């Protein structure tokens, strides 16, 4: 996790310098998956990661939307896509 945060901050600084020099910033994904057994600090890491994104100006509101697999699964065929769209809209 520490290495990923260091890399994120390095990339943010690099992109800032590129923009100051009139160059296009490099694209990179800010999305992360925090996987592990219960009680290993996944939620805490996700919240801290959101704070780092907000502090560096890469995230407007610093929020984390936490969902489980069951949140994405619909009860009937065709409902999964609708549930996923609703979750993505909520995250905006």
PDB file of N, CA and C in Angstrom:
ATOM      1  N   UNK A   1       0.832  -1.190   0.000  1.00  0.00           N
ATOM      2  CA  UNK A   1       0.000   0.000   0.000  1.00  0.00           C
ATOM      3  C   UNK A   1       0.878   1.255   0.000  1.00  0.00           C
ATOM      4  N   UNK A   2       1.922   1.235   0.817  1.00  0.00           N
ATOM      5  CA  UNK A   2       2.805   2.402   0.888  1.00  0.00           C
ATOM      6  C   UNK A   2       3.457   2.674  -0.461  1.00  0.00           C
ATOM      7  N   UNK A   3       3.873   1.625  -1.119  1.00  0.00           N
ATOM      8  CA  UNK A   3       4.504   1.769  -2.433  1.00  0.00           C
ATOM      9  C   UNK A   3       3.520   2.344  -3.448  1.00  0.00           C
ATOM     10  N   UNK A   4       2.269   1.875  -3.415  1.00  0.00           N
ATOM     11  CA  UNK A   4       1.251   2.374  -4.344  1.00  0.00           C
ATOM     12  C   UNK A   4       0.982   3.859  -4.111  1.00  0.00           C
ATOM     13  N   UNK A   5       0.960   4.273  -2.849  1.00  0.00           N
ATOM     14  CA  UNK A   5       0.726   5.691  -2.533  1.00  0.00           C
ATOM     15  C   UNK A   5       1.913   6.537  -2.981  1.00  0.00           C
ATOM     16  N   UNK A   6       3.120   6.038  -2.742  1.00  0.00           N
ATOM     17  CA  UNK A   6       4.309   6.769  -3.207  1.00  0.00           C
ATOM     18  C   UNK A   6       4.279   6.940  -4.725  1.00  0.00           C
ATOM     19  N   UNK A   7       3.940   5.868  -5.438  1.00  0.00           N
ATOM     20  CA  UNK A   7       3.857   5.939  -6.900  1.00  0.00           C
ATOM     21  C   UNK A   7       2.786   6.930  -7.352  1.00  0.00           C
ATOM     22  N   UNK A   8       1.658   6.934  -6.658  1.00  0.00           N
ATOM     23  CA  UNK A   8       0.573   7.858  -6.987  1.00  0.00           C
ATOM     24  C   UNK A   8       1.033   9.303  -6.818  1.00  0.00           C
ATOM     25  N   UNK A   9       1.681   9.608  -5.710  1.00  0.00           N
ATOM     26  CA  UNK A   9       2.148  10.966  -5.466  1.00  0.00           C
ATOM     27  C   UNK A   9       3.221  11.355  -6.483  1.00  0.00           C
ATOM     28  N   UNK A  10       4.112  10.426  -6.803  1.00  0.00           N
ATOM     29  CA  UNK A  10       5.135  10.695  -7.820  1.00  0.00           C
ATOM     30  C   UNK A  10       4.487  11.023  -9.160  1.00  0.00           C
ATOM     31  N   UNK A  11       3.481  10.243  -9.548  1.00  0.00           N
ATOM     32  CA  UNK A  11       2.802  10.470 -10.828  1.00  0.00           C
ATOM     33  C   UNK A  11       2.074  11.804 -10.818  1.00  0.00           C
ATOM     34  N   UNK A  12       1.446  12.160  -9.688  1.00  0.00           N
ATOM     35  CA  UNK A  12       0.742  13.440  -9.591  1.00  0.00           C
ATOM     36  C   UNK A  12       1.716  14.602  -9.743  1.00  0.00           C
ATOM     37  N   UNK A  13       2.884  14.509  -9.093  1.00  0.00           N
ATOM     38  CA  UNK A  13       3.895  15.561  -9.227  1.00  0.00           C
ATOM     39  C   UNK A  13       4.421  15.648 -10.652  1.00  0.00           C
ATOM     40  N   UNK A  14       4.663  14.476 -11.236  1.00  0.00           N
ATOM     41  CA  UNK A  14       5.152  14.432 -12.614  1.00  0.00           C
ATOM     42  C   UNK A  14       4.139  15.076 -13.567  1.00  0.00           C
ATOM     43  N   UNK A  15       2.869  14.766 -13.391  1.00  0.00           N
ATOM     44  CA  UNK A  15       1.841  15.355 -14.248  1.00  0.00           C
ATOM     45  C   UNK A  15       1.715  16.856 -14.025  1.00  0.00           C
ATOM     46  N   UNK A  16       1.864  17.288 -12.782  1.00  0.00           N
ATOM     47  CA  UNK A  16       1.821  18.725 -12.502  1.00  0.00           C
ATOM     48  C   UNK A  16       2.944  19.429 -13.265  1.00  0.00           C
ATOM     49  N   UNK A  17       4.141  18.877 -13.166  1.00  0.00           N
ATOM     50  CA  UNK A  17       5.286  19.462 -13.882  1.00  0.00           C
ATOM     51  C   UNK A  17       5.054  19.472 -15.387  1.00  0.00           C
ATOM     52  N   UNK A  18       4.475  18.407 -15.910  1.00  0.00           N
ATOM     53  CA  UNK A  18       4.190  18.337 -17.345  1.00  0.00           C
ATOM     54  C   UNK A  18       3.204  19.431 -17.750  1.00  0.00           C
ATOM     55  N   UNK A  19       2.169  19.623 -16.947  1.00  0.00           N
ATOM     56  CA  UNK A  19       1.178  20.651 -17.272  1.00  0.00           C
ATOM     57  C   UNK A  19       1.785  22.048 -17.196  1.00  0.00           C
ATOM     58  N   UNK A  20       2.627  22.292 -16.210  1.00  0.00           N
ATOM     59  CA  UNK A  20       3.297  23.589 -16.085  1.00  0.00           C
ATOM     60  C   UNK A  20       4.151  23.869 -17.312  1.00  0.00           C
ATOM     61  N   UNK A  21       4.756  22.823 -17.850  1.00  0.00           N
ATOM     62  CA  UNK A  21       5.609  22.966 -19.031  1.00  0.00           C
ATOM     63  C   UNK A  21       4.835  22.887 -20.344  1.00  0.00           C
ATOM     64  N   UNK A  22       3.504  22.872 -20.275  1.00  0.00           N
ATOM     65  CA  UNK A  22       2.678  22.862 -21.472  1.00  0.00           C
ATOM     66  C   UNK A  22       2.536  21.505 -22.127  1.00  0.00           C
ATOM     67  N   UNK A  23       2.918  20.444 -21.432  1.00  0.00           N
ATOM     68  CA  UNK A  23       2.795  19.098 -21.971  1.00  0.00           C
ATOM     69  C   UNK A  23       1.510  18.457 -21.465  1.00  0.00           C
ATOM     70  N   UNK A  24       1.080  17.422 -22.181  1.00  0.00           N
ATOM     71  CA  UNK A  24      -0.111  16.686 -21.753  1.00  0.00           C
ATOM     72  C   UNK A  24       0.245  15.783 -20.577  1.00  0.00           C
ATOM     73  N   UNK A  25      -0.630  15.710 -19.564  1.00  0.00           N
ATOM     74  CA  UNK A  25      -0.361  14.807 -18.442  1.00  0.00           C
ATOM     75  C   UNK A  25      -0.500  13.344 -18.879  1.00  0.00           C
ATOM     76  N   UNK A  26       0.214  12.478 -18.197  1.00  0.00           N
ATOM     77  CA  UNK A  26       0.133  11.051 -18.469  1.00  0.00           C
ATOM     78  C   UNK A  26      -1.114  10.481 -17.804  1.00  0.00           C
ATOM     79  N   UNK A  27      -1.832   9.637 -18.519  1.00  0.00           N
ATOM     80  CA  UNK A  27      -3.044   9.020 -17.974  1.00  0.00           C
ATOM     81  C   UNK A  27      -2.663   7.886 -17.025  1.00  0.00           C
ATOM     82  N   UNK A  28      -3.400   7.777 -15.943  1.00  0.00           N
ATOM     83  CA  UNK A  28      -3.219   6.651 -15.028  1.00  0.00           C
ATOM     84  C   UNK A  28      -4.507   6.434 -14.253  1.00  0.00           C
ATOM     85  N   UNK A  29      -4.716   5.202 -13.827  1.00  0.00           N
ATOM     86  CA  UNK A  29      -5.932   4.854 -13.119  1.00  0.00           C
ATOM     87  C   UNK A  29      -5.785   5.133 -11.627  1.00  0.00           C
ATOM     88  N   UNK A  30      -6.814   5.710 -11.067  1.00  0.00           N
ATOM     89  CA  UNK A  30      -6.834   5.968  -9.632  1.00  0.00           C
ATOM     90  C   UNK A  30      -7.662   4.916  -8.898  1.00  0.00           C
ATOM     91  N   UNK A  31      -8.252   4.011  -9.643  1.00  0.00           N
ATOM     92  CA  UNK A  31      -9.075   2.962  -9.040  1.00  0.00           C
ATOM     93  C   UNK A  31      -8.201   1.897  -8.402  1.00  0.00           C
ATOM     94  N   UNK A  32      -8.645   1.374  -7.271  1.00  0.00           N
ATOM     95  CA  UNK A  32      -7.914   0.327  -6.578  1.00  0.00           C
ATOM     96  C   UNK A  32      -8.893  -0.684  -6.003  1.00  0.00           C
ATOM     97  N   UNK A  33      -8.434  -1.911  -5.902  1.00  0.00           N
ATOM     98  CA  UNK A  33      -9.170  -2.960  -5.206  1.00  0.00           C
ATOM     99  C   UNK A  33      -8.394  -3.292  -3.945  1.00  0.00           C
ATOM    100  N   UNK A  34      -9.082  -3.360  -2.836  1.00  0.00           N
ATOM    101  CA  UNK A  34      -8.462  -3.722  -1.578  1.00  0.00           C
ATOM    102  C   UNK A  34      -8.999  -5.092  -1.191  1.00  0.00           C
ATOM    103  N   UNK A  35      -8.162  -6.108  -1.356  1.00  0.00           N
ATOM    104  CA  UNK A  35      -8.576  -7.483  -1.136  1.00  0.00           C
ATOM    105  C   UNK A  35      -7.874  -8.073   0.075  1.00  0.00           C
ATOM    106  N   UNK A  36      -8.547  -8.961   0.769  1.00  0.00           N
ATOM    107  CA  UNK A  36      -7.932  -9.637   1.902  1.00  0.00           C
ATOM    108  C   UNK A  36      -8.979 -10.198   2.835  1.00  0.00           C
ATOM    109  N   UNK A  37      -8.502 -10.901   3.814  1.00  0.00           N
ATOM    110  CA  UNK A  37      -9.388 -11.509   4.803  1.00  0.00           C
ATOM    111  C   UNK A  37     -10.026 -10.444   5.687  1.00  0.00           C
ATOM    112  N   UNK A  38     -11.126 -10.784   6.337  1.00  0.00           N
ATOM    113  CA  UNK A  38     -11.763  -9.838   7.252  1.00  0.00           C
ATOM    114  C   UNK A  38     -10.787  -9.393   8.341  1.00  0.00           C
ATOM    115  N   UNK A  39     -10.856  -8.113   8.680  1.00  0.00           N
ATOM    116  CA  UNK A  39     -10.043  -7.593   9.762  1.00  0.00           C
ATOM    117  C   UNK A  39      -8.618  -7.232   9.384  1.00  0.00           C
ATOM    118  N   UNK A  40      -8.316  -7.187   8.089  1.00  0.00           N
ATOM    119  CA  UNK A  40      -6.946  -6.893   7.675  1.00  0.00           C
ATOM    120  C   UNK A  40      -6.732  -5.429   7.312  1.00  0.00           C
ATOM    121  N   UNK A  41      -7.743  -4.588   7.480  1.00  0.00           N
ATOM    122  CA  UNK A  41      -7.579  -3.153   7.269  1.00  0.00           C
ATOM    123  C   UNK A  41      -7.924  -2.647   5.881  1.00  0.00           C
ATOM    124  N   UNK A  42      -8.699  -3.413   5.124  1.00  0.00           N
ATOM    125  CA  UNK A  42      -9.052  -2.989   3.766  1.00  0.00           C
ATOM    126  C   UNK A  42      -9.828  -1.682   3.764  1.00  0.00           C
ATOM    127  N   UNK A  43     -10.814  -1.567   4.615  1.00  0.00           N
ATOM    128  CA  UNK A  43     -11.631  -0.365   4.663  1.00  0.00           C
ATOM    129  C   UNK A  43     -10.806   0.834   5.112  1.00  0.00           C
ATOM    130  N   UNK A  44      -9.973   0.642   6.103  1.00  0.00           N
ATOM    131  CA  UNK A  44      -9.109   1.719   6.579  1.00  0.00           C
ATOM    132  C   UNK A  44      -8.174   2.181   5.470  1.00  0.00           C
ATOM    133  N   UNK A  45      -7.583   1.237   4.763  1.00  0.00           N
ATOM    134  CA  UNK A  45      -6.691   1.589   3.650  1.00  0.00           C
ATOM    135  C   UNK A  45      -7.444   2.346   2.565  1.00  0.00           C
ATOM    136  N   UNK A  46      -8.647   1.922   2.253  1.00  0.00           N
ATOM    137  CA  UNK A  46      -9.441   2.596   1.220  1.00  0.00           C
ATOM    138  C   UNK A  46      -9.751   4.031   1.623  1.00  0.00           C
ATOM    139  N   UNK A  47     -10.104   4.231   2.876  1.00  0.00           N
ATOM    140  CA  UNK A  47     -10.397   5.594   3.350  1.00  0.00           C
ATOM    141  C   UNK A  47      -9.149   6.472   3.319  1.00  0.00           C
ATOM    142  N   UNK A  48      -8.021   5.928   3.752  1.00  0.00           N
ATOM    143  CA  UNK A  48      -6.771   6.691   3.729  1.00  0.00           C
ATOM    144  C   UNK A  48      -6.352   6.994   2.291  1.00  0.00           C
ATOM    145  N   UNK A  49      -6.550   6.034   1.399  1.00  0.00           N
ATOM    146  CA  UNK A  49      -6.226   6.238  -0.013  1.00  0.00           C
ATOM    147  C   UNK A  49      -7.074   7.377  -0.584  1.00  0.00           C
ATOM    148  N   UNK A  50      -8.347   7.430  -0.220  1.00  0.00           N
ATOM    149  CA  UNK A  50      -9.219   8.519  -0.679  1.00  0.00           C
ATOM    150  C   UNK A  50      -8.731   9.863  -0.144  1.00  0.00           C
ATOM    151  N   UNK A  51      -8.250   9.879   1.094  1.00  0.00           N
ATOM    152  CA  UNK A  51      -7.722  11.126   1.651  1.00  0.00           C
ATOM    153  C   UNK A  51      -6.480  11.582   0.895  1.00  0.00           C
ATOM    154  N   UNK A  52      -5.620  10.633   0.521  1.00  0.00           N
ATOM    155  CA  UNK A  52      -4.424  10.974  -0.254  1.00  0.00           C
ATOM    156  C   UNK A  52      -4.829  11.531  -1.613  1.00  0.00           C
ATOM    157  N   UNK A  53      -5.805  10.897  -2.258  1.00  0.00           N
ATOM    158  CA  UNK A  53      -6.288  11.397  -3.552  1.00  0.00           C
ATOM    159  C   UNK A  53      -6.840  12.806  -3.424  1.00  0.00           C
ATOM    160  N   UNK A  54      -7.582  13.053  -2.366  1.00  0.00           N
ATOM    161  CA  UNK A  54      -8.144  14.386  -2.162  1.00  0.00           C
ATOM    162  C   UNK A  54      -7.036  15.395  -1.881  1.00  0.00           C
ATOM    163  N   UNK A  55      -6.087  15.043  -1.030  1.00  0.00           N
ATOM    164  CA  UNK A  55      -4.986  15.938  -0.671  1.00  0.00           C
ATOM    165  C   UNK A  55      -4.160  16.330  -1.892  1.00  0.00           C
ATOM    166  N   UNK A  56      -3.962  15.393  -2.802  1.00  0.00           N
ATOM    167  CA  UNK A  56      -3.175  15.667  -4.006  1.00  0.00           C
ATOM    168  C   UNK A  56      -3.997  16.340  -5.099  1.00  0.00           C
ATOM    169  N   UNK A  57      -5.291  16.542  -4.853  1.00  0.00           N
ATOM    170  CA  UNK A  57      -6.146  17.197  -5.839  1.00  0.00           C
ATOM    171  C   UNK A  57      -6.637  16.277  -6.937  1.00  0.00           C
ATOM    172  N   UNK A  58      -6.478  14.976  -6.752  1.00  0.00           N
ATOM    173  CA  UNK A  58      -6.904  14.019  -7.770  1.00  0.00           C
ATOM    174  C   UNK A  58      -8.329  13.527  -7.560  1.00  0.00           C
ATOM    175  N   UNK A  59      -8.929  13.892  -6.445  1.00  0.00           N
ATOM    176  CA  UNK A  59     -10.292  13.466  -6.142  1.00  0.00           C
ATOM    177  C   UNK A  59     -11.033  14.663  -5.578  1.00  0.00           C
ATOM    178  N   UNK A  60     -12.173  14.981  -6.147  1.00  0.00           N
ATOM    179  CA  UNK A  60     -12.866  16.207  -5.768  1.00  0.00           C
ATOM    180  C   UNK A  60     -13.438  16.178  -4.358  1.00  0.00           C
ATOM    181  N   UNK A  61     -14.014  15.051  -3.936  1.00  0.00           N
ATOM    182  CA  UNK A  61     -14.680  15.074  -2.639  1.00  0.00           C
ATOM    183  C   UNK A  61     -14.071  14.152  -1.596  1.00  0.00           C
ATOM    184  N   UNK A  62     -13.108  13.325  -1.953  1.00  0.00           N
ATOM    185  CA  UNK A  62     -12.447  12.462  -0.980  1.00  0.00           C
ATOM    186  C   UNK A  62     -13.306  11.346  -0.452  1.00  0.00           C
ATOM    187  N   UNK A  63     -14.363  10.995  -1.153  1.00  0.00           N
ATOM    188  CA  UNK A  63     -15.273   9.964  -0.688  1.00  0.00           C
ATOM    189  C   UNK A  63     -14.930   8.579  -1.197  1.00  0.00           C
ATOM    190  N   UNK A  64     -15.366   7.597  -0.438  1.00  0.00           N
ATOM    191  CA  UNK A  64     -15.198   6.207  -0.818  1.00  0.00           C
ATOM    192  C   UNK A  64     -16.568   5.569  -0.833  1.00  0.00           C
ATOM    193  N   UNK A  65     -16.897   4.869  -1.896  1.00  0.00           N
ATOM    194  CA  UNK A  65     -18.149   4.134  -1.978  1.00  0.00           C
ATOM    195  C   UNK A  65     -17.806   2.668  -1.776  1.00  0.00           C
ATOM    196  N   UNK A  66     -18.283   2.097  -0.691  1.00  0.00           N
ATOM    197  CA  UNK A  66     -17.969   0.705  -0.380  1.00  0.00           C
ATOM    198  C   UNK A  66     -19.167  -0.178  -0.701  1.00  0.00           C
ATOM    199  N   UNK A  67     -18.921  -1.198  -1.508  1.00  0.00           N
ATOM    200  CA  UNK A  67     -19.964  -2.131  -1.907  1.00  0.00           C
ATOM    201  C   UNK A  67     -19.433  -3.550  -1.856  1.00  0.00           C
ATOM    202  N   UNK A  68     -20.324  -4.491  -1.713  1.00  0.00           N
ATOM    203  CA  UNK A  68     -19.972  -5.907  -1.776  1.00  0.00           C
ATOM    204  C   UNK A  68     -20.501  -6.485  -3.074  1.00  0.00           C
ATOM    205  N   UNK A  69     -20.108  -7.685  -3.382  1.00  0.00           N
ATOM    206  CA  UNK A  69     -20.560  -8.330  -4.621  1.00  0.00           C
ATOM    207  C   UNK A  69     -22.080  -8.426  -4.677  1.00  0.00           C
ATOM    208  N   UNK A  70     -22.707  -8.656  -3.543  1.00  0.00           N
ATOM    209  CA  UNK A  70     -24.168  -8.790  -3.531  1.00  0.00           C
ATOM    210  C   UNK A  70     -24.869  -7.482  -3.885  1.00  0.00           C
ATOM    211  N   UNK A  71     -24.203  -6.353  -3.697  1.00  0.00           N
ATOM    212  CA  UNK A  71     -24.787  -5.062  -4.068  1.00  0.00           C
ATOM    213  C   UNK A  71     -24.916  -4.931  -5.589  1.00  0.00           C
ATOM    214  N   UNK A  72     -24.071  -5.644  -6.319  1.00  0.00           N
ATOM    215  CA  UNK A  72     -24.068  -5.553  -7.775  1.00  0.00           C
ATOM    216  C   UNK A  72     -24.982  -6.591  -8.425  1.00  0.00           C
ATOM    217  N   UNK A  73     -25.383  -7.584  -7.689  1.00  0.00           N
ATOM    218  CA  UNK A  73     -26.149  -8.695  -8.247  1.00  0.00           C
ATOM    219  C   UNK A  73     -27.633  -8.452  -8.075  1.00  0.00           C
ATOM    220  N   UNK A  74     -28.356  -8.582  -9.172  1.00  0.00           N
ATOM    221  CA  UNK A  74     -29.795  -8.426  -9.117  1.00  0.00           C
ATOM    222  C   UNK A  74     -30.480  -9.733  -8.765  1.00  0.00           C
ATOM    223  N   UNK A  75     -31.721  -9.618  -8.356  1.00  0.00           N
ATOM    224  CA  UNK A  75     -32.496 -10.812  -7.994  1.00  0.00           C
ATOM    225  C   UNK A  75     -32.953 -11.564  -9.236  1.00  0.00           C
ATOM    226  N   UNK A  76     -33.181 -10.825 -10.320  1.00  0.00           N
ATOM    227  CA  UNK A  76     -33.659 -11.428 -11.559  1.00  0.00           C
ATOM    228  C   UNK A  76     -32.708 -11.082 -12.699  1.00  0.00           C
ATOM    229  N   UNK A  77     -32.808 -11.842 -13.788  1.00  0.00           N
ATOM    230  CA  UNK A  77     -31.976 -11.594 -14.964  1.00  0.00           C
ATOM    231  C   UNK A  77     -32.224 -10.167 -15.458  1.00  0.00           C
ATOM    232  N   UNK A  78     -31.154  -9.445 -15.736  1.00  0.00           N
ATOM    233  CA  UNK A  78     -31.263  -8.081 -16.228  1.00  0.00           C
ATOM    234  C   UNK A  78     -31.153  -7.016 -15.153  1.00  0.00           C
ATOM    235  N   UNK A  79     -31.257  -7.409 -13.906  1.00  0.00           N
ATOM    236  CA  UNK A  79     -31.200  -6.420 -12.827  1.00  0.00           C
ATOM    237  C   UNK A  79     -29.772  -6.054 -12.436  1.00  0.00           C
ATOM    238  N   UNK A  80     -28.816  -6.901 -12.780  1.00  0.00           N
ATOM    239  CA  UNK A  80     -27.425  -6.631 -12.398  1.00  0.00           C
ATOM    240  C   UNK A  80     -26.910  -5.357 -13.059  1.00  0.00           C
ATOM    241  N   UNK A  81     -27.176  -5.204 -14.340  1.00  0.00           N
ATOM    242  CA  UNK A  81     -26.726  -3.999 -15.048  1.00  0.00           C
ATOM    243  C   UNK A  81     -27.365  -2.753 -14.447  1.00  0.00           C
ATOM    244  N   UNK A  82     -28.624  -2.840 -14.110  1.00  0.00           N
ATOM    245  CA  UNK A  82     -29.328  -1.705 -13.513  1.00  0.00           C
ATOM    246  C   UNK A  82     -28.730  -1.358 -12.147  1.00  0.00           C
ATOM    247  N   UNK A  83     -28.430  -2.376 -11.343  1.00  0.00           N
ATOM    248  CA  UNK A  83     -27.838  -2.153 -10.022  1.00  0.00           C
ATOM    249  C   UNK A  83     -26.453  -1.535 -10.154  1.00  0.00           C
ATOM    250  N   UNK A  84     -25.674  -2.010 -11.118  1.00  0.00           N
ATOM    251  CA  UNK A  84     -24.328  -1.479 -11.335  1.00  0.00           C
ATOM    252  C   UNK A  84     -24.388  -0.021 -11.765  1.00  0.00           C
ATOM    253  N   UNK A  85     -25.291   0.307 -12.688  1.00  0.00           N
ATOM    254  CA  UNK A  85     -25.448   1.707 -13.112  1.00  0.00           C
ATOM    255  C   UNK A  85     -25.820   2.599 -11.942  1.00  0.00           C
ATOM    256  N   UNK A  86     -26.714   2.119 -11.078  1.00  0.00           N
ATOM    257  CA  UNK A  86     -27.133   2.916  -9.933  1.00  0.00           C
ATOM    258  C   UNK A  86     -25.966   3.156  -8.968  1.00  0.00           C
ATOM    259  N   UNK A  87     -25.124   2.148  -8.783  1.00  0.00           N
ATOM    260  CA  UNK A  87     -23.958   2.294  -7.896  1.00  0.00           C
ATOM    261  C   UNK A  87     -22.976   3.300  -8.486  1.00  0.00           C
ATOM    262  N   UNK A  88     -22.735   3.207  -9.782  1.00  0.00           N
ATOM    263  CA  UNK A  88     -21.814   4.142 -10.439  1.00  0.00           C
ATOM    264  C   UNK A  88     -22.359   5.574 -10.377  1.00  0.00           C
ATOM    265  N   UNK A  89     -23.639   5.731 -10.556  1.00  0.00           N
ATOM    266  CA  UNK A  89     -24.247   7.063 -10.479  1.00  0.00           C
ATOM    267  C   UNK A  89     -24.139   7.616  -9.055  1.00  0.00           C
ATOM    268  N   UNK A  90     -24.326   6.758  -8.071  1.00  0.00           N
ATOM    269  CA  UNK A  90     -24.211   7.166  -6.667  1.00  0.00           C
ATOM    270  C   UNK A  90     -22.793   7.655  -6.355  1.00  0.00           C
ATOM    271  N   UNK A  91     -21.809   7.020  -6.988  1.00  0.00           N
ATOM    272  CA  UNK A  91     -20.420   7.360  -6.723  1.00  0.00           C
ATOM    273  C   UNK A  91     -20.024   8.704  -7.300  1.00  0.00           C
ATOM    274  N   UNK A  92     -20.761   9.190  -8.262  1.00  0.00           N
ATOM    275  CA  UNK A  92     -20.440  10.503  -8.866  1.00  0.00           C
ATOM    276  C   UNK A  92     -20.708  11.539  -7.871  1.00  0.00           C
TER     277      UNK A  92
END
